[in-house]
Amino acid sequence: MGSRYWLWLAGRLLAAGVIVLWAASFLRTGSGEKEFQKTLDAMKQVHSFRAAYLANPPGQRAETLWEVDCDRGLLHYQSLSAEIGGNPPQGWNQDELHVAEWVYQRQADGTWSHTKYTAGNRSAKWYCVRLEQGTDSYLLPEIATMIKRGIIEEGDKKTVNGVRCREWRVTMKNRSINLEHDTVCIGLEDHLPYEMSTEGNLTHYSFSDYNTSIQFDVPEGPPQAEMRQ
């Protein structure tokens, strides 16, 4: 009788422990979704920002910078990539400035050429409208998708470029066997993203200068007059 009682009691305690762990996991996930919703709402108020991307795949190095000013309709895009260990070394450099409906491209001699937008171009307005609507802009972290498809776990606090933020580990649920794991650092005060990295830190993103005045080197030419209208 005594042994049966203790077995019964142990079973009840084990079941209770499982329920507590499940509830704690649910609450952590819920808090992550709530925090990411605050981030999504905060990003709707963003009018300017910088986003930098660094990738180190085997044998290569790639750096990309986006600078966006929604109020003036300006977007600066610069991409540098290089093959490491190549003989001779190979590298690419792309520098574009999007002004209203025009695209400037910096030439090898330092001058700029400009053309009207084509269907494949994305203007500052395109990105800014998506931010304002709360849909993924693909320049800042895909918070809307993370809320829908992510398992979000709370991490530690840290400082990124002088801003205190908290890391959140996100496991994206999809149809493939391999799951995507990202880490996003969200500002403690403004709820905006300041850093994101993929598993193994193969790719790293940093975000800064929210709603500040960004200086652009806008070339002289007809598109400037169109921008001022």
Protein backbone atom coordinates (compact mmCIF):
# COMPACT_ATOMS: atom_id res chain seq x y z
CA MET A 1 0.00 0.00 0.00
CA GLY A 2 2.78 2.39 0.93
CA SER A 3 4.74 1.83 -2.28
CA ARG A 4 1.62 2.29 -4.42
CA TYR A 5 0.90 5.57 -2.67
CA TRP A 6 4.39 6.90 -3.33
CA LEU A 7 4.23 5.83 -6.96
CA TRP A 8 0.87 7.59 -7.29
CA LEU A 9 2.28 10.72 -5.65
CA ALA A 10 5.37 10.70 -7.87
CA GLY A 11 3.16 10.40 -10.93
CA ARG A 12 1.04 13.35 -9.84
CA LEU A 13 4.13 15.46 -9.17
CA LEU A 14 5.60 14.55 -12.57
CA ALA A 15 2.36 15.51 -14.31
CA ALA A 16 2.25 18.80 -12.40
CA GLY A 17 5.84 19.52 -13.38
CA VAL A 18 5.05 18.94 -17.05
CA ILE A 19 2.10 21.34 -16.83
CA VAL A 20 4.24 24.01 -15.15
CA LEU A 21 6.95 23.72 -17.82
CA TRP A 22 4.35 23.91 -20.60
CA ALA A 23 2.75 26.97 -19.03
CA ALA A 24 6.12 28.69 -18.60
CA SER A 25 6.97 28.01 -22.23
CA PHE A 26 3.61 29.39 -23.32
CA LEU A 27 4.05 32.54 -21.29
CA ARG A 28 7.57 33.14 -22.64
CA THR A 29 6.32 32.76 -26.19
CA GLY A 30 3.39 35.03 -25.47
CA SER A 31 5.66 37.74 -24.05
CA GLY A 32 7.85 37.49 -27.16
CA GLU A 33 4.89 37.94 -29.46
CA LYS A 34 3.72 40.95 -27.44
CA GLU A 35 7.20 42.51 -27.59
CA PHE A 36 7.44 41.93 -31.34
CA GLN A 37 4.02 43.51 -31.82
CA LYS A 38 5.36 46.60 -30.04
CA THR A 39 8.31 46.50 -32.44
CA LEU A 40 6.00 46.28 -35.44
CA ASP A 41 4.03 49.29 -34.17
CA ALA A 42 7.25 51.24 -33.50
CA MET A 43 8.57 50.56 -37.01
CA LYS A 44 5.41 52.13 -38.47
CA GLN A 45 6.67 55.46 -37.06
CA VAL A 46 10.15 55.20 -38.62
CA HIS A 47 10.91 57.85 -41.28
CA SER A 48 14.66 57.37 -41.73
CA PHE A 49 17.25 54.72 -40.84
CA ARG A 50 20.45 52.93 -41.81
CA ALA A 51 20.71 49.18 -42.26
CA ALA A 52 24.08 47.45 -42.68
CA TYR A 53 24.56 43.83 -43.72
CA LEU A 54 27.69 41.67 -43.46
CA ALA A 55 28.03 38.11 -44.73
CA ASN A 56 31.01 35.77 -44.62
CA PRO A 57 30.17 32.70 -46.69
CA PRO A 58 33.12 30.37 -47.46
CA GLY A 59 35.56 32.12 -49.77
CA GLN A 60 33.60 35.37 -49.94
CA ARG A 61 32.85 38.56 -48.08
CA ALA A 62 29.88 40.81 -48.75
CA GLU A 63 28.91 44.16 -47.23
CA THR A 64 25.77 46.14 -48.01
CA LEU A 65 24.50 49.48 -46.72
CA TRP A 66 21.01 50.93 -47.10
CA GLU A 67 20.20 54.52 -46.09
CA VAL A 68 16.56 55.57 -46.31
CA ASP A 69 14.79 58.90 -45.89
CA CYS A 70 11.04 58.48 -46.31
CA ASP A 71 10.20 62.19 -46.04
CA ARG A 72 12.47 63.13 -48.97
CA GLY A 73 12.00 59.95 -50.98
CA LEU A 74 15.71 59.11 -50.92
CA LEU A 75 17.40 55.73 -50.79
CA HIS A 76 21.15 55.09 -50.97
CA TYR A 77 22.30 51.55 -51.68
CA GLN A 78 25.93 50.45 -51.67
CA SER A 79 27.18 46.89 -52.00
CA LEU A 80 30.75 45.58 -51.83
CA SER A 81 31.65 41.94 -52.40
CA ALA A 82 34.92 40.11 -52.85
CA GLU A 83 36.21 36.61 -53.40
CA ILE A 84 38.79 35.74 -50.76
CA GLY A 85 41.88 33.93 -51.92
CA GLY A 86 41.17 34.34 -55.61
CA ASN A 87 44.06 34.69 -58.05
CA PRO A 88 43.66 37.34 -59.26
CA PRO A 89 41.29 38.70 -56.56
CA GLN A 90 37.75 39.35 -57.77
CA GLY A 91 35.47 42.04 -56.42
CA TRP A 92 32.32 43.99 -57.19
CA ASN A 93 31.15 47.42 -56.14
CA GLN A 94 27.67 48.80 -56.69
CA ASP A 95 26.64 52.29 -55.62
CA GLU A 96 23.13 53.58 -56.31
CA LEU A 97 21.10 56.57 -55.21
CA HIS A 98 17.34 56.48 -55.71
CA VAL A 99 15.70 59.91 -55.99
CA ALA A 100 11.94 60.03 -56.50
CA GLU A 101 11.46 58.10 -59.78
CA TRP A 102 15.11 58.18 -60.78
CA VAL A 103 18.03 55.86 -60.18
CA TYR A 104 21.59 57.24 -60.13
CA GLN A 105 24.45 54.79 -60.61
CA ARG A 106 28.03 55.72 -59.81
CA GLN A 107 30.39 54.89 -62.66
CA ALA A 108 33.98 53.67 -62.42
CA ASP A 109 35.28 57.20 -63.05
CA GLY A 110 33.23 58.60 -60.13
CA THR A 111 30.54 60.24 -62.26
CA TRP A 112 26.84 59.42 -62.01
CA SER A 113 24.44 58.18 -64.67
CA HIS A 114 20.70 58.26 -64.15
CA THR A 115 17.69 56.48 -65.59
CA LYS A 116 13.98 56.25 -64.91
CA TYR A 117 12.73 53.40 -62.75
CA THR A 118 12.01 50.05 -64.30
CA ALA A 119 9.67 47.38 -62.96
CA GLY A 120 12.53 45.72 -61.07
CA ASN A 121 13.48 48.81 -59.07
CA ARG A 122 12.24 49.49 -55.56
CA SER A 123 12.10 53.12 -54.53
CA ALA A 124 12.31 54.60 -51.05
CA LYS A 125 8.53 55.08 -51.27
CA TRP A 126 8.05 51.32 -51.84
CA TYR A 127 9.96 50.42 -48.67
CA CYS A 128 8.45 53.23 -46.62
CA VAL A 129 4.87 52.35 -47.51
CA ARG A 130 5.45 48.78 -46.35
CA LEU A 131 6.92 50.03 -43.07
CA GLU A 132 3.93 52.31 -42.50
CA GLN A 133 1.51 49.46 -43.25
CA GLY A 134 3.24 47.08 -40.84
CA THR A 135 4.28 44.62 -43.55
CA ASP A 136 7.81 43.31 -44.06
CA SER A 137 10.03 45.84 -45.83
CA TYR A 138 12.96 43.39 -46.24
CA LEU A 139 15.39 46.06 -45.03
CA LEU A 140 14.47 45.88 -41.34
CA PRO A 141 13.85 42.48 -39.68
CA GLU A 142 10.76 40.63 -40.91
CA ILE A 143 8.90 41.15 -37.65
CA ALA A 144 5.43 40.56 -39.12
CA THR A 145 6.47 37.13 -40.39
CA MET A 146 8.25 36.32 -37.13
CA ILE A 147 5.05 37.00 -35.18
CA LYS A 148 3.08 34.65 -37.45
CA ARG A 149 5.60 31.84 -37.90
CA GLY A 150 8.19 32.23 -35.17
CA ILE A 151 8.83 30.51 -31.86
CA ILE A 152 10.18 33.45 -29.84
CA GLU A 153 12.34 32.98 -26.73
CA GLU A 154 13.63 35.72 -24.44
CA GLY A 155 17.40 36.18 -24.14
CA ASP A 156 19.84 38.42 -22.29
CA LYS A 157 20.25 42.17 -22.36
CA LYS A 158 23.22 43.74 -24.16
CA THR A 159 24.42 47.05 -25.58
CA VAL A 160 24.58 47.64 -29.34
CA ASN A 161 26.18 50.90 -30.52
CA GLY A 162 25.36 52.52 -27.19
CA VAL A 163 21.73 51.33 -27.09
CA ARG A 164 20.49 48.86 -24.48
CA CYS A 165 18.50 46.07 -26.04
CA ARG A 166 17.32 42.55 -25.30
CA GLU A 167 18.08 39.57 -27.49
CA TRP A 168 15.21 37.40 -28.68
CA ARG A 169 15.88 34.00 -30.24
CA VAL A 170 13.49 33.23 -33.09
CA THR A 171 12.98 29.81 -34.64
CA MET A 172 11.02 30.10 -37.85
CA LYS A 173 8.51 27.33 -38.57
CA ASN A 174 8.28 26.35 -42.22
CA ARG A 175 7.65 23.36 -44.42
CA SER A 176 11.29 22.36 -44.83
CA ILE A 177 13.10 19.97 -42.52
CA ASN A 178 15.69 22.54 -41.46
CA LEU A 179 14.40 25.40 -39.30
CA GLU A 180 15.77 28.93 -39.54
CA HIS A 181 17.22 30.37 -36.32
CA ASP A 182 17.70 34.14 -35.91
CA THR A 183 18.61 36.38 -32.99
CA VAL A 184 17.14 39.89 -32.87
CA CYS A 185 18.09 42.56 -30.33
CA ILE A 186 15.14 44.88 -29.54
CA GLY A 187 15.62 48.27 -27.87
CA LEU A 188 14.45 48.31 -24.25
CA GLU A 189 12.99 51.82 -24.50
CA ASP A 190 11.91 52.34 -28.12
CA HIS A 191 11.23 48.66 -29.07
CA LEU A 192 13.09 49.10 -32.38
CA PRO A 193 15.50 46.45 -33.74
CA TYR A 194 19.22 47.25 -33.50
CA GLU A 195 20.89 43.98 -34.44
CA MET A 196 20.08 40.67 -36.06
CA SER A 197 22.20 37.61 -36.79
CA THR A 198 21.58 34.16 -38.21
CA GLU A 199 22.67 30.91 -36.63
CA GLY A 200 26.47 30.69 -36.45
CA ASN A 201 26.66 34.45 -37.15
CA LEU A 202 27.21 33.77 -40.85
CA THR A 203 25.20 36.89 -41.59
CA HIS A 204 24.96 39.95 -39.36
CA TYR A 205 22.72 43.02 -39.61
CA SER A 206 22.89 46.28 -37.68
CA PHE A 207 20.28 49.06 -37.66
CA SER A 208 20.83 52.65 -36.56
CA ASP A 209 20.01 56.35 -36.96
CA TYR A 210 16.27 55.99 -36.63
CA ASN A 211 14.41 59.23 -37.46
CA THR A 212 17.62 61.25 -37.73
CA SER A 213 18.77 63.55 -40.52
CA ILE A 214 20.87 61.50 -42.96
CA GLN A 215 23.17 63.34 -45.35
CA PHE A 216 23.01 62.18 -48.97
CA ASP A 217 25.44 63.04 -51.77
CA VAL A 218 22.77 63.89 -54.33
CA PRO A 219 24.29 64.65 -57.77
CA GLU A 220 23.28 67.77 -59.67
CA GLY A 221 20.78 67.21 -62.44
CA PRO A 222 17.09 67.24 -63.45
CA PRO A 223 15.98 64.62 -60.90
CA GLN A 224 16.91 66.98 -58.06
CA ALA A 225 14.34 69.50 -59.29
CA GLU A 226 11.78 66.71 -59.46
CA MET A 227 12.61 65.72 -55.88
CA ARG A 228 11.97 69.29 -54.63
CA GLN A 229 8.52 69.49 -56.20
